[in-house]
N, C-alpha and C. Protein backbone atom coordinates (compact mmCIF):
# COMPACT_ATOMS: atom_id res chain seq x y z
N UNK A 1 -9.77 -15.37 -0.36
CA UNK A 1 -9.25 -14.04 -0.20
C UNK A 1 -8.57 -13.89 1.16
N UNK A 2 -9.17 -14.50 2.16
CA UNK A 2 -8.61 -14.38 3.50
C UNK A 2 -7.16 -14.86 3.54
N UNK A 3 -6.92 -16.02 2.99
CA UNK A 3 -5.57 -16.61 3.04
C UNK A 3 -4.59 -15.77 2.22
N UNK A 4 -5.03 -15.29 1.08
CA UNK A 4 -4.15 -14.45 0.25
C UNK A 4 -3.77 -13.18 1.00
N UNK A 5 -4.76 -12.54 1.61
CA UNK A 5 -4.48 -11.31 2.37
C UNK A 5 -3.55 -11.60 3.55
N UNK A 6 -3.79 -12.73 4.23
CA UNK A 6 -2.93 -13.08 5.36
C UNK A 6 -1.50 -13.33 4.91
N UNK A 7 -1.33 -14.08 3.83
CA UNK A 7 0.02 -14.41 3.34
C UNK A 7 0.75 -13.16 2.86
N UNK A 8 0.07 -12.33 2.07
CA UNK A 8 0.72 -11.13 1.55
C UNK A 8 0.93 -10.09 2.65
N UNK A 9 0.03 -10.04 3.62
CA UNK A 9 0.15 -9.08 4.71
C UNK A 9 1.20 -9.44 5.73
N UNK A 10 1.65 -10.69 5.71
CA UNK A 10 2.63 -11.16 6.69
C UNK A 10 4.05 -10.71 6.37
N UNK A 11 4.31 -10.40 5.14
CA UNK A 11 5.66 -10.02 4.72
C UNK A 11 5.72 -8.51 4.48
N UNK A 12 6.77 -7.89 4.97
CA UNK A 12 6.93 -6.45 4.76
C UNK A 12 7.05 -6.09 3.28
N UNK A 13 7.61 -6.99 2.50
CA UNK A 13 7.81 -6.69 1.08
C UNK A 13 6.50 -6.74 0.29
N UNK A 14 5.54 -7.53 0.72
CA UNK A 14 4.27 -7.65 -0.01
C UNK A 14 3.11 -6.93 0.69
N UNK A 15 3.32 -6.54 1.93
CA UNK A 15 2.26 -5.87 2.70
C UNK A 15 1.83 -4.57 2.03
N UNK A 16 2.76 -3.89 1.38
CA UNK A 16 2.44 -2.64 0.70
C UNK A 16 1.31 -2.83 -0.31
N UNK A 17 1.30 -3.96 -1.02
CA UNK A 17 0.25 -4.24 -2.00
C UNK A 17 -1.12 -4.34 -1.35
N UNK A 18 -1.18 -4.94 -0.18
CA UNK A 18 -2.44 -5.05 0.55
C UNK A 18 -2.92 -3.66 0.95
N UNK A 19 -2.04 -2.89 1.52
CA UNK A 19 -2.40 -1.54 1.96
C UNK A 19 -2.80 -0.67 0.77
N UNK A 20 -2.08 -0.81 -0.33
CA UNK A 20 -2.34 -0.01 -1.52
C UNK A 20 -3.72 -0.29 -2.10
N UNK A 21 -4.18 -1.53 -2.06
CA UNK A 21 -5.46 -1.89 -2.64
C UNK A 21 -6.56 -2.13 -1.60
N UNK A 22 -6.31 -1.74 -0.38
CA UNK A 22 -7.28 -1.98 0.70
C UNK A 22 -8.61 -1.28 0.44
N UNK A 23 -8.59 -0.06 -0.08
CA UNK A 23 -9.85 0.65 -0.35
C UNK A 23 -10.71 -0.12 -1.34
N UNK A 24 -10.11 -0.57 -2.42
CA UNK A 24 -10.86 -1.31 -3.43
C UNK A 24 -11.36 -2.65 -2.89
N UNK A 25 -10.52 -3.34 -2.12
CA UNK A 25 -10.93 -4.62 -1.55
C UNK A 25 -12.09 -4.43 -0.58
N UNK A 26 -11.98 -3.42 0.27
CA UNK A 26 -13.03 -3.19 1.26
C UNK A 26 -14.34 -2.84 0.58
N UNK A 27 -14.29 -2.05 -0.47
CA UNK A 27 -15.51 -1.71 -1.22
C UNK A 27 -16.16 -2.97 -1.76
N UNK A 28 -15.38 -3.85 -2.31
CA UNK A 28 -15.94 -5.10 -2.85
C UNK A 28 -16.46 -6.01 -1.74
N UNK A 29 -15.75 -6.09 -0.63
CA UNK A 29 -16.21 -6.92 0.49
C UNK A 29 -17.55 -6.41 1.02
N UNK A 30 -17.68 -5.09 1.12
CA UNK A 30 -18.94 -4.53 1.61
C UNK A 30 -20.09 -4.80 0.64
N UNK A 31 -19.80 -4.85 -0.64
CA UNK A 31 -20.84 -5.17 -1.63
C UNK A 31 -21.33 -6.61 -1.48
N UNK A 32 -20.49 -7.48 -0.98
CA UNK A 32 -20.88 -8.88 -0.77
C UNK A 32 -22.06 -8.99 0.19
N UNK A 33 -22.15 -8.07 1.15
CA UNK A 33 -23.23 -8.14 2.14
C UNK A 33 -24.60 -7.86 1.53
N UNK A 34 -24.66 -7.40 0.29
CA UNK A 34 -25.94 -7.23 -0.40
C UNK A 34 -26.51 -8.57 -0.83
N UNK A 35 -25.68 -9.59 -0.90
CA UNK A 35 -26.13 -10.94 -1.25
C UNK A 35 -26.87 -11.55 -0.07
N UNK A 36 -27.75 -12.46 -0.36
CA UNK A 36 -28.51 -13.11 0.70
C UNK A 36 -27.99 -14.52 0.96
N UNK A 37 -26.71 -14.61 1.23
CA UNK A 37 -26.09 -15.90 1.48
C UNK A 37 -25.20 -15.81 2.70
N UNK A 38 -25.52 -16.60 3.71
CA UNK A 38 -24.72 -16.59 4.93
C UNK A 38 -23.29 -17.05 4.66
N UNK A 39 -23.12 -17.93 3.69
CA UNK A 39 -21.79 -18.43 3.38
C UNK A 39 -20.89 -17.33 2.84
N UNK A 40 -21.41 -16.53 1.91
CA UNK A 40 -20.57 -15.46 1.38
C UNK A 40 -20.35 -14.37 2.42
N UNK A 41 -21.33 -14.16 3.31
CA UNK A 41 -21.13 -13.21 4.40
C UNK A 41 -20.00 -13.67 5.31
N UNK A 42 -19.99 -14.96 5.60
CA UNK A 42 -18.94 -15.51 6.45
C UNK A 42 -17.57 -15.32 5.81
N UNK A 43 -17.48 -15.62 4.52
CA UNK A 43 -16.20 -15.47 3.81
C UNK A 43 -15.76 -14.01 3.78
N UNK A 44 -16.72 -13.10 3.58
CA UNK A 44 -16.38 -11.68 3.57
C UNK A 44 -15.89 -11.24 4.94
N UNK A 45 -16.53 -11.71 6.00
CA UNK A 45 -16.09 -11.35 7.36
C UNK A 45 -14.67 -11.85 7.63
N UNK A 46 -14.37 -13.05 7.19
CA UNK A 46 -13.03 -13.60 7.39
C UNK A 46 -11.99 -12.79 6.60
N UNK A 47 -12.33 -12.44 5.38
CA UNK A 47 -11.41 -11.65 4.56
C UNK A 47 -11.23 -10.25 5.16
N UNK A 48 -12.31 -9.67 5.65
CA UNK A 48 -12.23 -8.34 6.28
C UNK A 48 -11.39 -8.41 7.55
N UNK A 49 -11.52 -9.47 8.31
CA UNK A 49 -10.68 -9.65 9.49
C UNK A 49 -9.21 -9.71 9.13
N UNK A 50 -8.89 -10.42 8.05
CA UNK A 50 -7.50 -10.49 7.59
C UNK A 50 -7.02 -9.12 7.11
N UNK A 51 -7.90 -8.40 6.43
CA UNK A 51 -7.54 -7.07 5.96
C UNK A 51 -7.32 -6.12 7.14
N UNK A 52 -8.17 -6.24 8.15
CA UNK A 52 -8.01 -5.41 9.35
C UNK A 52 -6.68 -5.68 10.03
N UNK A 53 -6.31 -6.93 10.12
CA UNK A 53 -5.04 -7.29 10.75
C UNK A 53 -3.87 -6.75 9.93
N UNK A 54 -3.96 -6.88 8.61
CA UNK A 54 -2.87 -6.45 7.73
C UNK A 54 -2.70 -4.94 7.69
N UNK A 55 -3.81 -4.21 7.73
CA UNK A 55 -3.73 -2.76 7.63
C UNK A 55 -3.57 -2.08 8.98
N UNK A 56 -3.83 -2.80 10.06
CA UNK A 56 -3.65 -2.25 11.40
C UNK A 56 -4.56 -1.07 11.67
N UNK A 57 -4.00 -0.02 12.23
CA UNK A 57 -4.79 1.17 12.61
C UNK A 57 -5.45 1.84 11.42
N UNK A 58 -4.89 1.65 10.23
CA UNK A 58 -5.48 2.23 9.02
C UNK A 58 -6.89 1.69 8.75
N UNK A 59 -7.21 0.54 9.33
CA UNK A 59 -8.53 -0.06 9.10
C UNK A 59 -9.64 0.80 9.71
N UNK A 60 -9.31 1.64 10.66
CA UNK A 60 -10.31 2.48 11.32
C UNK A 60 -11.14 3.31 10.36
N UNK A 61 -10.57 3.68 9.23
CA UNK A 61 -11.31 4.51 8.28
C UNK A 61 -12.48 3.76 7.64
N UNK A 62 -12.49 2.45 7.72
CA UNK A 62 -13.58 1.66 7.16
C UNK A 62 -14.70 1.36 8.16
N UNK A 63 -14.44 1.63 9.42
CA UNK A 63 -15.39 1.24 10.46
C UNK A 63 -16.75 1.91 10.35
N UNK A 64 -16.82 3.15 9.89
CA UNK A 64 -18.10 3.82 9.78
C UNK A 64 -19.04 3.04 8.87
N UNK A 65 -18.52 2.63 7.72
CA UNK A 65 -19.35 1.90 6.77
C UNK A 65 -19.50 0.42 7.16
N UNK A 66 -18.48 -0.15 7.73
CA UNK A 66 -18.49 -1.57 8.07
C UNK A 66 -19.27 -1.87 9.36
N UNK A 67 -19.38 -0.90 10.23
CA UNK A 67 -19.95 -1.14 11.55
C UNK A 67 -21.34 -1.77 11.50
N UNK A 68 -22.21 -1.33 10.60
CA UNK A 68 -23.58 -1.88 10.58
C UNK A 68 -23.57 -3.37 10.24
N UNK A 69 -22.66 -3.78 9.36
CA UNK A 69 -22.57 -5.21 9.02
C UNK A 69 -21.95 -5.99 10.17
N UNK A 70 -20.99 -5.42 10.82
CA UNK A 70 -20.38 -6.05 11.99
C UNK A 70 -21.42 -6.23 13.09
N UNK A 71 -22.19 -5.19 13.33
CA UNK A 71 -23.22 -5.26 14.37
C UNK A 71 -24.26 -6.33 14.06
N UNK A 72 -24.69 -6.42 12.80
CA UNK A 72 -25.65 -7.46 12.41
C UNK A 72 -25.06 -8.85 12.63
N UNK A 73 -23.80 -9.00 12.27
CA UNK A 73 -23.15 -10.29 12.47
C UNK A 73 -23.02 -10.66 13.93
N UNK A 74 -22.70 -9.70 14.76
CA UNK A 74 -22.56 -9.97 16.19
C UNK A 74 -23.91 -10.27 16.84
N UNK A 75 -24.97 -9.67 16.35
CA UNK A 75 -26.30 -9.95 16.88
C UNK A 75 -26.79 -11.32 16.45
N UNK A 76 -26.20 -11.85 15.41
CA UNK A 76 -26.60 -13.13 14.86
C UNK A 76 -25.63 -14.24 15.29
N UNK A 77 -25.11 -14.12 16.51
CA UNK A 77 -24.04 -15.03 16.95
C UNK A 77 -24.48 -16.47 17.14
N UNK A 78 -25.77 -16.75 17.14
CA UNK A 78 -26.20 -18.14 17.31
C UNK A 78 -26.15 -18.92 16.00
N UNK A 79 -25.99 -18.25 14.89
CA UNK A 79 -25.84 -18.94 13.62
C UNK A 79 -24.51 -19.68 13.61
N UNK A 80 -24.51 -20.89 13.09
CA UNK A 80 -23.27 -21.66 13.13
C UNK A 80 -22.17 -21.06 12.28
N UNK A 81 -22.53 -20.27 11.26
CA UNK A 81 -21.49 -19.66 10.44
C UNK A 81 -20.76 -18.56 11.19
N UNK A 82 -21.43 -17.93 12.15
CA UNK A 82 -20.83 -16.82 12.87
C UNK A 82 -20.07 -17.31 14.09
N UNK A 83 -20.58 -18.32 14.72
CA UNK A 83 -19.97 -18.82 15.95
C UNK A 83 -19.48 -20.25 15.74
N UNK A 84 -18.59 -20.68 16.59
CA UNK A 84 -18.14 -22.07 16.54
C UNK A 84 -19.29 -23.00 16.86
N UNK A 85 -19.21 -24.23 16.41
CA UNK A 85 -20.28 -25.18 16.65
C UNK A 85 -20.42 -25.52 18.13
N UNK A 86 -19.39 -25.30 18.88
CA UNK A 86 -19.41 -25.55 20.31
C UNK A 86 -20.19 -24.44 21.00
N UNK A 87 -21.24 -24.79 21.72
CA UNK A 87 -22.10 -23.77 22.33
C UNK A 87 -21.40 -23.00 23.44
N UNK A 88 -20.27 -23.47 23.92
CA UNK A 88 -19.57 -22.76 24.99
C UNK A 88 -18.95 -21.45 24.50
N UNK A 89 -18.88 -21.28 23.18
CA UNK A 89 -18.25 -20.06 22.65
C UNK A 89 -19.22 -18.90 22.55
N UNK A 90 -20.49 -19.10 22.75
CA UNK A 90 -21.48 -18.06 22.48
C UNK A 90 -21.19 -16.75 23.21
N UNK A 91 -20.65 -16.82 24.40
CA UNK A 91 -20.37 -15.60 25.15
C UNK A 91 -19.07 -14.94 24.70
N UNK A 92 -18.11 -15.74 24.30
CA UNK A 92 -16.82 -15.17 23.92
C UNK A 92 -16.74 -14.84 22.43
N UNK A 93 -17.68 -15.31 21.65
CA UNK A 93 -17.63 -15.12 20.20
C UNK A 93 -17.64 -13.65 19.83
N UNK A 94 -18.49 -12.85 20.46
CA UNK A 94 -18.55 -11.43 20.15
C UNK A 94 -17.21 -10.76 20.40
N UNK A 95 -16.60 -11.10 21.50
CA UNK A 95 -15.31 -10.51 21.86
C UNK A 95 -14.24 -10.92 20.85
N UNK A 96 -14.25 -12.19 20.42
CA UNK A 96 -13.26 -12.65 19.47
C UNK A 96 -13.38 -11.92 18.14
N UNK A 97 -14.60 -11.73 17.66
CA UNK A 97 -14.79 -11.02 16.39
C UNK A 97 -14.33 -9.59 16.52
N UNK A 98 -14.67 -8.93 17.62
CA UNK A 98 -14.24 -7.55 17.81
C UNK A 98 -12.73 -7.45 17.89
N UNK A 99 -12.08 -8.40 18.53
CA UNK A 99 -10.62 -8.39 18.60
C UNK A 99 -10.00 -8.54 17.22
N UNK A 100 -10.58 -9.40 16.39
CA UNK A 100 -10.06 -9.59 15.04
C UNK A 100 -10.22 -8.32 14.23
N UNK A 101 -11.40 -7.73 14.28
CA UNK A 101 -11.69 -6.57 13.44
C UNK A 101 -10.99 -5.32 13.95
N UNK A 102 -10.98 -5.13 15.25
CA UNK A 102 -10.37 -3.92 15.80
C UNK A 102 -8.85 -4.04 15.88
N UNK A 103 -8.35 -5.28 15.73
CA UNK A 103 -6.90 -5.48 15.71
C UNK A 103 -6.31 -5.12 17.01
């Protein structure tokens, strides 16, 4: 999903489709966090980051509901799925995720 959103969001002609269906996509991405799998959480976070980039300031309307999942992910930065395998990133990882999501 991440790559599809990135590719479609990169072009002005297809970006409208991403923005048009952003509410439905975000609802589904948030439902993924009900699963107990770090892998699907990671994929959802990546897709949400792509959606945030594609929708720009419009993404702010999702932050109220998304914030609790973002906060949990940021608190869990020592998990290899959340942070790079290189331990030197542990301090900058939180900032990188916030930059992606906040656009």
